[in-house]
Amino acid sequence: MSNRLTLREISLFFFPLLLNVQLMSVSHTVINSALARLDDYVTALAGMSVAMVVHLFIASPSYQNHTVTIAMVKGRNSMRGVLIFITLVAVYVAVMLSLIAFTPLGDLVLIRLLGAPAEVAQSAREALHILVLLPFFTGLRGFCQGLIIQARRTSLVSIATGVRVGGLFLYLAVGRIFFSGAQLGAFALVSCVITETLVIAAFAWRVHLPLERGEAEKSTAEILRYSFPLAYSSCLQQTIPLLISSIIGRLSDGPLALAAFGVIRGFLFLLAGPMRNLQQAYLTLVKGAEDYRTMIRFNILTAITMGAFVLLTAGPFNKMILGDLLGVESHLRLYLRYALASCAFFPILYGTSNLLRGWFAGAHKTGMLGKSTLIKSGFLLLLWWPLTHWTPPMSGIAIGIGLLLCAEILEALYLKRQKQQISSEFCQHAPL
């Protein structure tokens, strides 16, 4: 009987996680849809977009919790070490978000650094007042998801997120009584994530992974040395939308470009976001070179499907999906359609990068991942001054999406080359 990994095995593992990410994306899309129906929808959408960019940047180290859990938890001692890492990151994130939400540092970051208009910055700060609660729940959620993925019970992850989406509609309805603008979106998001965390924690408790499996465990210090480069890399990843927002927010159509960027990023998270799970799929399923080649074929087939959905949404189904379903006003919908169409290439780029990131995480060479994102950030920093001091002959959203795609291409090329060099060095030093 062959032990080779098959497309069917990958699908059974991956597609529940795909559904999970899409359900998470639905929650962000539903929030954008609710904000798009408010009277001052441009300020609300732009404020929520800026708040989420800031939150994703600061909280990004915690988004590696499930990867660290999958790779490191082998027993009681390693579980304790992973929980220490998760707690340290959650405290850091909460403190940093509080400084931006409640102190003058907020104006420095939102207005001076990001270039958000004053009314958008105020709306973003109001959203951050509530988002400061989020890191402790997302941290625990990632830990529990890692345990469940390690046990290959990925369907439970999707069920918990489904409960989150169901609760979101209730929280939006209740939130309208107490909140308005971007703060309504923040309240609904935090509330549904808390609900999801409670459900996934109950599932993780029921899975009952054996705590002593006879496998070698890493010490707390070794776990921290492995984890912090991943956290650093994840943080740098979020400089990409942060820098793009900083650039397009300073252009002549800044508020409209920021609102469109928030809508497109939410939609890409829905369609292309699942490709990030290729990193976890690699760590859990790939045992050899043949398995890796099978994973590459799976990446290509899935990305082509996702790209087709993006093109259909930008083209013939533009009004039905963005207008009728999501409630995006016609002038904003038409403003972003060509930029959205160009995002058809994003799933294959994003999937390839995450598959390569899984390879480096599995090889315990997590430091390389920080370097790859540093290259992306450096690329955008080089373009920041000329783009903000010269008026390009195109819309702000076209510039933003162009920068996003170029950054992904740079990372994929860098990681591919580094993998080839490491593999070549290994072959040269292998015993004959």
Protein backbone atom coordinates (compact mmCIF):
# COMPACT_ATOMS: atom_id res chain seq x y z
CA MET A 1 0.00 0.00 0.00
CA SER A 2 1.40 3.41 -1.01
CA ASN A 3 2.04 6.00 1.70
CA ARG A 4 2.26 8.85 -0.79
CA LEU A 5 0.15 11.90 -0.09
CA THR A 6 -2.80 12.23 -2.48
CA LEU A 7 -4.87 15.16 -3.66
CA ARG A 8 -7.86 13.58 -1.92
CA GLU A 9 -6.06 13.51 1.45
CA ILE A 10 -5.01 17.13 1.06
CA SER A 11 -8.55 18.10 0.11
CA LEU A 12 -10.08 16.38 3.15
CA PHE A 13 -7.61 18.21 5.39
CA PHE A 14 -7.54 21.57 3.57
CA PHE A 15 -11.10 22.32 2.53
CA PRO A 16 -12.54 22.49 6.06
CA LEU A 17 -9.79 25.03 6.76
CA LEU A 18 -10.68 26.79 3.51
CA LEU A 19 -14.26 26.95 4.69
CA ASN A 20 -13.02 28.30 8.02
CA VAL A 21 -11.10 31.16 6.42
CA GLN A 22 -13.99 31.94 4.10
CA LEU A 23 -16.41 32.00 7.02
CA MET A 24 -14.03 34.38 8.79
CA SER A 25 -13.94 36.44 5.62
CA VAL A 26 -17.71 36.42 5.50
CA SER A 27 -17.76 38.01 8.95
CA HIS A 28 -15.48 40.85 7.74
CA THR A 29 -17.53 41.19 4.56
CA VAL A 30 -20.79 41.27 6.53
CA ILE A 31 -19.35 44.02 8.73
CA ASN A 32 -18.30 46.02 5.64
CA SER A 33 -21.76 45.47 4.20
CA ALA A 34 -23.38 46.81 7.39
CA LEU A 35 -21.08 49.85 7.41
CA ALA A 36 -21.71 50.47 3.70
CA ARG A 37 -25.39 51.01 4.51
CA LEU A 38 -24.75 53.78 7.05
CA ASP A 39 -25.31 57.44 6.20
CA ASP A 40 -21.61 58.39 6.36
CA TYR A 41 -20.47 55.10 4.84
CA VAL A 42 -17.19 56.37 3.34
CA THR A 43 -15.86 57.55 6.73
CA ALA A 44 -17.12 54.40 8.47
CA LEU A 45 -15.56 52.04 5.89
CA ALA A 46 -12.31 54.01 5.72
CA GLY A 47 -12.10 54.22 9.54
CA MET A 48 -12.70 50.48 9.94
CA SER A 49 -10.18 49.77 7.17
CA VAL A 50 -7.47 51.87 8.85
CA ALA A 51 -8.27 50.42 12.29
CA MET A 52 -8.00 46.87 10.92
CA VAL A 53 -4.73 47.63 9.14
CA VAL A 54 -3.27 48.96 12.42
CA HIS A 55 -4.71 46.06 14.41
CA LEU A 56 -3.48 43.43 11.96
CA PHE A 57 0.00 44.93 12.03
CA ILE A 58 0.30 45.08 15.80
CA ALA A 59 -1.56 41.83 16.51
CA SER A 60 0.06 39.88 13.67
CA PRO A 61 2.56 37.99 15.90
CA SER A 62 -0.39 36.20 17.53
CA TYR A 63 -1.57 34.89 14.15
CA GLN A 64 1.28 32.36 14.20
CA ASN A 65 -0.07 30.69 17.35
CA HIS A 66 -1.65 27.76 15.53
CA THR A 67 1.53 27.19 13.48
CA VAL A 68 3.69 27.21 16.61
CA THR A 69 1.25 24.86 18.35
CA ILE A 70 1.26 22.39 15.45
CA ALA A 71 5.04 22.35 15.23
CA MET A 72 5.95 22.48 18.93
CA VAL A 73 3.30 20.91 21.19
CA LYS A 74 4.40 17.31 21.86
CA GLY A 75 3.52 17.01 25.57
CA ARG A 76 2.86 18.90 28.79
CA ASN A 77 6.17 20.77 28.97
CA SER A 78 6.08 21.99 25.36
CA MET A 79 2.42 22.95 25.78
CA ARG A 80 3.40 25.10 28.75
CA GLY A 81 6.16 26.75 26.70
CA VAL A 82 3.79 27.53 23.83
CA LEU A 83 1.24 29.05 26.25
CA ILE A 84 3.97 31.28 27.70
CA PHE A 85 4.77 32.54 24.20
CA ILE A 86 1.07 33.16 23.47
CA THR A 87 0.58 35.10 26.72
CA LEU A 88 3.64 37.28 26.14
CA VAL A 89 2.47 38.20 22.65
CA ALA A 90 -1.12 38.93 23.80
CA VAL A 91 0.06 41.33 26.51
CA TYR A 92 2.34 43.13 24.07
CA VAL A 93 -0.45 43.54 21.51
CA ALA A 94 -2.98 44.82 24.07
CA VAL A 95 -0.52 47.42 25.40
CA MET A 96 0.38 48.71 21.92
CA LEU A 97 -3.24 48.96 20.78
CA SER A 98 -4.12 50.82 23.98
CA LEU A 99 -1.38 53.38 23.37
CA ILE A 100 -2.76 54.16 19.90
CA ALA A 101 -6.40 54.11 21.00
CA PHE A 102 -6.11 56.22 24.18
CA THR A 103 -2.98 58.40 23.95
CA PRO A 104 -1.61 61.12 21.61
CA LEU A 105 0.44 58.38 19.94
CA GLY A 106 -2.75 57.60 18.02
CA ASP A 107 -2.67 60.90 16.12
CA LEU A 108 1.01 60.41 15.31
CA VAL A 109 0.40 56.93 13.88
CA LEU A 110 -2.95 57.49 12.16
CA ILE A 111 -2.55 61.01 10.80
CA ARG A 112 1.17 61.69 10.49
CA LEU A 113 2.42 58.20 9.59
CA LEU A 114 -0.57 56.71 7.80
CA GLY A 115 -1.78 59.99 6.35
CA ALA A 116 -5.43 59.34 7.21
CA PRO A 117 -7.73 62.40 7.08
CA ALA A 118 -8.72 63.71 10.53
CA GLU A 119 -12.28 62.35 10.40
CA VAL A 120 -11.06 58.91 9.27
CA ALA A 121 -8.41 58.86 12.03
CA GLN A 122 -11.04 59.67 14.67
CA SER A 123 -13.28 56.92 13.37
CA ALA A 124 -10.36 54.46 13.46
CA ARG A 125 -9.49 55.39 17.07
CA GLU A 126 -13.08 54.80 18.13
CA ALA A 127 -12.89 51.32 16.62
CA LEU A 128 -9.56 50.63 18.35
CA HIS A 129 -11.11 51.46 21.73
CA ILE A 130 -12.92 48.12 21.43
CA LEU A 131 -10.34 46.15 19.45
CA VAL A 132 -7.86 46.33 22.38
CA LEU A 133 -9.78 43.40 23.90
CA LEU A 134 -9.18 41.13 20.93
CA PRO A 135 -5.58 39.77 21.32
CA PHE A 136 -6.28 37.57 24.35
CA PHE A 137 -9.13 35.82 22.58
CA THR A 138 -7.37 35.44 19.22
CA GLY A 139 -4.34 34.06 21.07
CA LEU A 140 -6.35 31.35 22.82
CA ARG A 141 -8.28 30.65 19.62
CA GLY A 142 -5.05 30.06 17.66
CA PHE A 143 -3.73 27.69 20.33
CA CYS A 144 -6.93 25.63 20.33
CA GLN A 145 -7.04 25.59 16.53
CA GLY A 146 -3.46 24.28 16.46
CA LEU A 147 -4.35 21.38 18.75
CA ILE A 148 -7.38 20.48 16.63
CA ILE A 149 -5.45 20.76 13.34
CA GLN A 150 -2.67 18.61 14.80
CA ALA A 151 -5.32 15.97 15.51
CA ARG A 152 -6.58 16.35 11.88
CA ARG A 153 -10.08 17.32 13.05
CA THR A 154 -10.16 20.38 10.82
CA SER A 155 -13.96 20.28 10.41
CA LEU A 156 -14.30 21.39 14.06
CA VAL A 157 -12.43 24.60 13.24
CA SER A 158 -14.98 25.42 10.55
CA ILE A 159 -17.93 24.63 12.82
CA ALA A 160 -16.66 27.09 15.45
CA THR A 161 -16.26 29.79 12.81
CA GLY A 162 -19.76 29.07 11.51
CA VAL A 163 -21.09 29.78 14.99
CA ARG A 164 -19.11 33.03 14.89
CA VAL A 165 -20.78 34.15 11.65
CA GLY A 166 -24.22 33.22 12.95
CA GLY A 167 -23.69 35.31 16.06
CA LEU A 168 -22.38 38.26 14.06
CA PHE A 169 -25.81 39.22 12.74
CA LEU A 170 -27.15 39.32 16.30
CA TYR A 171 -24.22 41.45 17.49
CA LEU A 172 -24.66 43.91 14.60
CA ALA A 173 -28.36 44.27 15.42
CA VAL A 174 -27.70 44.78 19.14
CA GLY A 175 -24.68 47.01 18.48
CA ARG A 176 -26.72 49.53 16.53
CA ILE A 177 -28.40 50.48 19.81
CA PHE A 178 -25.12 51.50 21.45
CA PHE A 179 -22.59 52.19 18.66
CA SER A 180 -22.31 53.87 15.27
CA GLY A 181 -19.79 54.13 12.45
CA ALA A 182 -16.60 52.08 12.57
CA GLN A 183 -17.13 51.41 16.29
CA LEU A 184 -20.20 49.33 15.42
CA GLY A 185 -18.02 47.12 13.23
CA ALA A 186 -15.41 46.76 15.98
CA PHE A 187 -18.01 45.78 18.58
CA ALA A 188 -19.52 43.13 16.30
CA LEU A 189 -16.08 41.73 15.41
CA VAL A 190 -14.85 41.41 19.00
CA SER A 191 -18.14 39.88 20.15
CA CYS A 192 -18.22 37.21 17.45
CA VAL A 193 -14.52 36.32 17.97
CA ILE A 194 -15.18 35.81 21.71
CA THR A 195 -18.03 33.48 20.79
CA GLU A 196 -15.82 31.56 18.36
CA THR A 197 -13.04 31.24 20.95
CA LEU A 198 -15.38 29.74 23.55
CA VAL A 199 -16.65 27.17 21.05
CA ILE A 200 -13.20 26.18 19.72
CA ALA A 201 -11.88 25.87 23.29
CA ALA A 202 -14.71 23.45 24.11
CA PHE A 203 -13.86 21.42 20.98
CA ALA A 204 -10.13 21.35 21.84
CA TRP A 205 -10.97 20.08 25.32
CA ARG A 206 -13.05 17.27 23.81
CA VAL A 207 -10.39 16.22 21.28
CA HIS A 208 -8.19 14.97 24.17
CA LEU A 209 -4.81 14.87 22.45
CA PRO A 210 -2.47 12.57 24.40
CA LEU A 211 -0.21 14.82 26.44
CA GLU A 212 2.62 12.31 26.73
CA ARG A 213 3.33 10.74 23.35
CA GLY A 214 6.94 9.73 23.81
CA GLU A 215 8.18 12.39 21.37
CA ALA A 216 11.12 14.66 22.10
CA GLU A 217 9.95 18.00 23.48
CA LYS A 218 11.58 21.37 23.07
CA SER A 219 12.32 23.46 26.14
CA THR A 220 10.57 26.78 26.71
CA ALA A 221 13.70 28.65 25.58
CA GLU A 222 13.90 26.59 22.38
CA ILE A 223 10.20 27.18 21.69
CA LEU A 224 10.66 30.93 22.13
CA ARG A 225 13.69 30.91 19.80
CA TYR A 226 11.61 29.10 17.18
CA SER A 227 8.46 31.18 17.69
CA PHE A 228 9.68 34.77 17.85
CA PRO A 229 11.14 34.78 14.31
CA LEU A 230 7.73 33.57 13.11
CA ALA A 231 6.06 36.34 15.11
CA TYR A 232 8.52 38.88 13.72
CA SER A 233 7.86 37.66 10.19
CA SER A 234 4.10 37.82 10.71
CA CYS A 235 4.44 41.38 12.00
CA LEU A 236 6.46 42.42 8.98
CA GLN A 237 3.82 40.88 6.70
CA GLN A 238 1.34 43.41 8.02
CA THR A 239 3.59 46.33 7.13
CA ILE A 240 2.51 45.69 3.54
CA PRO A 241 -1.14 46.86 3.86
CA LEU A 242 0.04 49.45 6.39
CA LEU A 243 2.51 51.01 3.96
CA ILE A 244 0.06 50.75 1.06
CA SER A 245 -2.59 52.52 3.14
CA SER A 246 -0.04 55.16 4.05
CA ILE A 247 0.69 55.76 0.36
CA ILE A 248 -2.84 55.80 -1.06
CA GLY A 249 -4.22 57.79 1.90
CA ARG A 250 -2.03 60.71 0.82
CA LEU A 251 -3.24 60.73 -2.79
CA SER A 252 -5.91 63.07 -4.16
CA ASP A 253 -8.60 60.38 -3.89
CA GLY A 254 -7.30 59.18 -0.49
CA PRO A 255 -10.58 58.54 1.42
CA LEU A 256 -12.16 56.77 -1.57
CA ALA A 257 -9.00 54.72 -2.20
CA LEU A 258 -8.83 53.67 1.47
CA ALA A 259 -12.49 52.65 1.44
CA ALA A 260 -11.98 50.65 -1.78
CA PHE A 261 -8.81 49.05 -0.42
CA GLY A 262 -10.73 47.91 2.66
CA VAL A 263 -13.46 46.36 0.49
CA ILE A 264 -10.97 44.58 -1.80
CA ARG A 265 -8.84 43.30 1.07
CA GLY A 266 -11.96 41.93 2.74
CA PHE A 267 -12.96 40.21 -0.50
CA LEU A 268 -9.45 38.82 -1.09
CA PHE A 269 -9.45 37.50 2.46
CA LEU A 270 -12.64 35.66 1.53
CA LEU A 271 -11.33 34.10 -1.70
CA ALA A 272 -7.53 33.97 -1.38
CA GLY A 273 -7.22 33.89 2.42
CA PRO A 274 -7.62 30.08 2.59
CA MET A 275 -4.34 29.68 0.71
CA ARG A 276 -2.48 30.64 3.89
CA ASN A 277 -3.51 27.26 5.31
CA LEU A 278 -1.05 25.61 2.93
CA GLN A 279 1.55 26.38 5.59
CA GLN A 280 -0.31 24.30 8.18
CA ALA A 281 -1.09 21.62 5.58
CA TYR A 282 2.61 21.30 4.79
CA LEU A 283 3.60 20.99 8.46
CA THR A 284 0.93 18.34 9.12
CA LEU A 285 0.87 16.28 5.91
CA VAL A 286 4.13 16.54 3.94
CA LYS A 287 6.65 13.81 4.75
CA GLY A 288 8.83 13.79 1.65
CA ALA A 289 9.64 15.27 -1.78
CA GLU A 290 6.81 13.47 -3.55
CA ASP A 291 4.31 14.79 -1.00
CA TYR A 292 5.63 18.29 -1.61
CA ARG A 293 5.12 17.97 -5.37
CA THR A 294 1.56 16.82 -4.76
CA MET A 295 1.01 19.87 -2.56
CA ILE A 296 2.28 22.12 -5.36
CA ARG A 297 -0.26 20.62 -7.78
CA PHE A 298 -2.99 21.17 -5.22
CA ASN A 299 -1.91 24.81 -4.82
CA ILE A 300 -2.09 25.45 -8.58
CA LEU A 301 -5.53 23.86 -9.04
CA THR A 302 -7.02 25.68 -6.04
CA ALA A 303 -5.49 29.04 -6.97
CA ILE A 304 -6.86 28.86 -10.53
CA THR A 305 -10.35 28.31 -9.13
CA MET A 306 -10.01 31.22 -6.71
CA GLY A 307 -8.68 33.51 -9.44
CA ALA A 308 -11.68 32.69 -11.65
CA PHE A 309 -14.04 33.74 -8.83
CA VAL A 310 -12.20 37.05 -8.52
CA LEU A 311 -12.58 37.74 -12.25
CA LEU A 312 -16.27 36.87 -12.21
CA THR A 313 -16.86 39.20 -9.27
CA ALA A 314 -14.97 42.05 -10.91
CA GLY A 315 -16.79 41.51 -14.22
CA PRO A 316 -20.21 39.99 -14.92
CA PHE A 317 -21.22 39.52 -11.27
CA ASN A 318 -19.96 42.91 -10.10
CA LYS A 319 -23.38 44.41 -9.45
CA MET A 320 -24.92 41.24 -8.03
CA ILE A 321 -22.13 40.45 -5.51
CA LEU A 322 -20.64 43.85 -4.65
CA GLY A 323 -23.79 45.90 -5.16
CA ASP A 324 -26.86 43.81 -4.34
CA LEU A 325 -25.26 41.38 -1.87
CA LEU A 326 -22.66 43.54 -0.12
CA GLY A 327 -24.40 46.90 -0.50
CA VAL A 328 -21.39 48.74 -1.96
CA GLU A 329 -22.52 51.97 -3.62
CA SER A 330 -22.29 52.06 -7.42
CA HIS A 331 -19.59 54.74 -7.70
CA LEU A 332 -17.32 52.90 -5.24
CA ARG A 333 -18.09 49.57 -6.95
CA LEU A 334 -17.18 50.92 -10.39
CA TYR A 335 -14.12 52.72 -8.99
CA LEU A 336 -12.54 49.47 -7.77
CA ARG A 337 -13.60 46.92 -10.41
CA TYR A 338 -10.43 46.97 -12.58
CA ALA A 339 -8.17 46.83 -9.54
CA LEU A 340 -10.20 43.87 -8.26
CA ALA A 341 -9.86 42.08 -11.63
CA SER A 342 -6.07 42.32 -11.45
CA CYS A 343 -6.25 40.49 -8.13
CA ALA A 344 -7.00 37.25 -10.02
CA PHE A 345 -3.24 36.62 -9.82
CA PHE A 346 -3.17 37.04 -6.05
CA PRO A 347 -4.27 33.48 -5.01
CA ILE A 348 -1.41 31.71 -6.84
CA LEU A 349 1.15 34.19 -5.51
CA TYR A 350 -0.19 33.99 -1.96
CA GLY A 351 -0.50 30.20 -2.05
CA THR A 352 3.05 29.74 -3.36
CA SER A 353 4.48 32.02 -0.67
CA ASN A 354 2.64 30.18 2.10
CA LEU A 355 3.66 26.76 0.84
CA LEU A 356 7.27 27.92 0.87
CA ARG A 357 6.78 29.40 4.33
CA GLY A 358 5.59 25.97 5.47
CA TRP A 359 8.80 24.45 4.12
CA PHE A 360 10.98 26.89 6.06
CA ALA A 361 8.92 26.47 9.25
CA GLY A 362 9.21 22.69 8.96
CA ALA A 363 12.98 22.96 8.45
CA HIS A 364 13.18 25.17 11.59
CA LYS A 365 14.69 27.99 9.52
CA THR A 366 12.17 30.57 10.63
CA GLY A 367 14.70 33.41 10.45
CA MET A 368 14.48 33.31 6.64
CA LEU A 369 10.80 34.23 6.82
CA GLY A 370 11.60 37.52 8.52
CA LYS A 371 14.10 38.35 5.79
CA SER A 372 11.55 37.68 3.03
CA THR A 373 9.02 40.10 4.51
CA LEU A 374 11.75 42.66 5.17
CA ILE A 375 12.42 42.67 1.41
CA LYS A 376 8.73 43.34 0.71
CA SER A 377 8.62 46.18 3.22
CA GLY A 378 11.84 47.66 1.89
CA PHE A 379 10.43 47.64 -1.63
CA LEU A 380 7.38 49.67 -0.53
CA LEU A 381 9.50 52.05 1.54
CA LEU A 382 11.61 52.80 -1.54
CA LEU A 383 8.46 53.74 -3.46
CA TRP A 384 6.77 55.64 -0.61
CA TRP A 385 8.43 59.04 -1.20
CA PRO A 386 8.07 59.24 -5.02
CA LEU A 387 4.46 58.03 -4.97
CA THR A 388 3.41 60.49 -2.26
CA HIS A 389 5.23 63.49 -3.80
CA TRP A 390 4.31 62.90 -7.43
CA THR A 391 0.75 62.57 -8.68
CA PRO A 392 0.56 59.33 -10.70
CA PRO A 393 -1.82 59.29 -13.70
CA MET A 394 -4.03 56.57 -12.23
CA SER A 395 -6.44 55.98 -9.37
CA GLY A 396 -5.23 55.42 -5.83
CA ILE A 397 -6.74 51.93 -5.65
CA ALA A 398 -4.94 50.89 -8.87
CA ILE A 399 -1.65 51.95 -7.28
CA GLY A 400 -2.47 50.15 -4.05
CA ILE A 401 -3.31 46.83 -5.69
CA GLY A 402 -0.32 47.07 -8.02
CA LEU A 403 1.98 47.45 -5.02
CA LEU A 404 0.28 44.53 -3.26
CA LEU A 405 0.85 42.17 -6.20
CA CYS A 406 4.48 43.26 -6.71
CA ALA A 407 5.23 42.67 -3.03
CA GLU A 408 3.87 39.10 -3.22
CA ILE A 409 5.93 38.37 -6.34
CA LEU A 410 9.10 39.55 -4.58
CA GLU A 411 8.51 37.30 -1.56
CA ALA A 412 7.74 34.21 -3.62
CA LEU A 413 10.87 34.68 -5.75
CA TYR A 414 13.10 35.24 -2.72
CA LEU A 415 11.82 32.21 -0.79
CA LYS A 416 12.05 29.99 -3.87
CA ARG A 417 15.68 30.96 -4.42
CA GLN A 418 16.60 30.48 -0.75
CA LYS A 419 14.97 27.04 -0.71
CA GLN A 420 16.94 26.02 -3.79
CA GLN A 421 20.21 27.19 -2.20
CA ILE A 422 19.54 25.37 1.08
CA SER A 423 18.53 22.18 -0.74
CA SER A 424 21.65 22.39 -2.91
CA GLU A 425 23.93 22.86 0.12
CA PHE A 426 22.29 19.90 1.86
CA CYS A 427 22.89 17.65 -1.14
CA GLN A 428 26.55 18.74 -1.36
CA HIS A 429 27.21 17.92 2.31
CA ALA A 430 25.16 14.72 2.45
CA PRO A 431 27.23 11.55 3.02
CA LEU A 432 27.73 9.42 -0.10
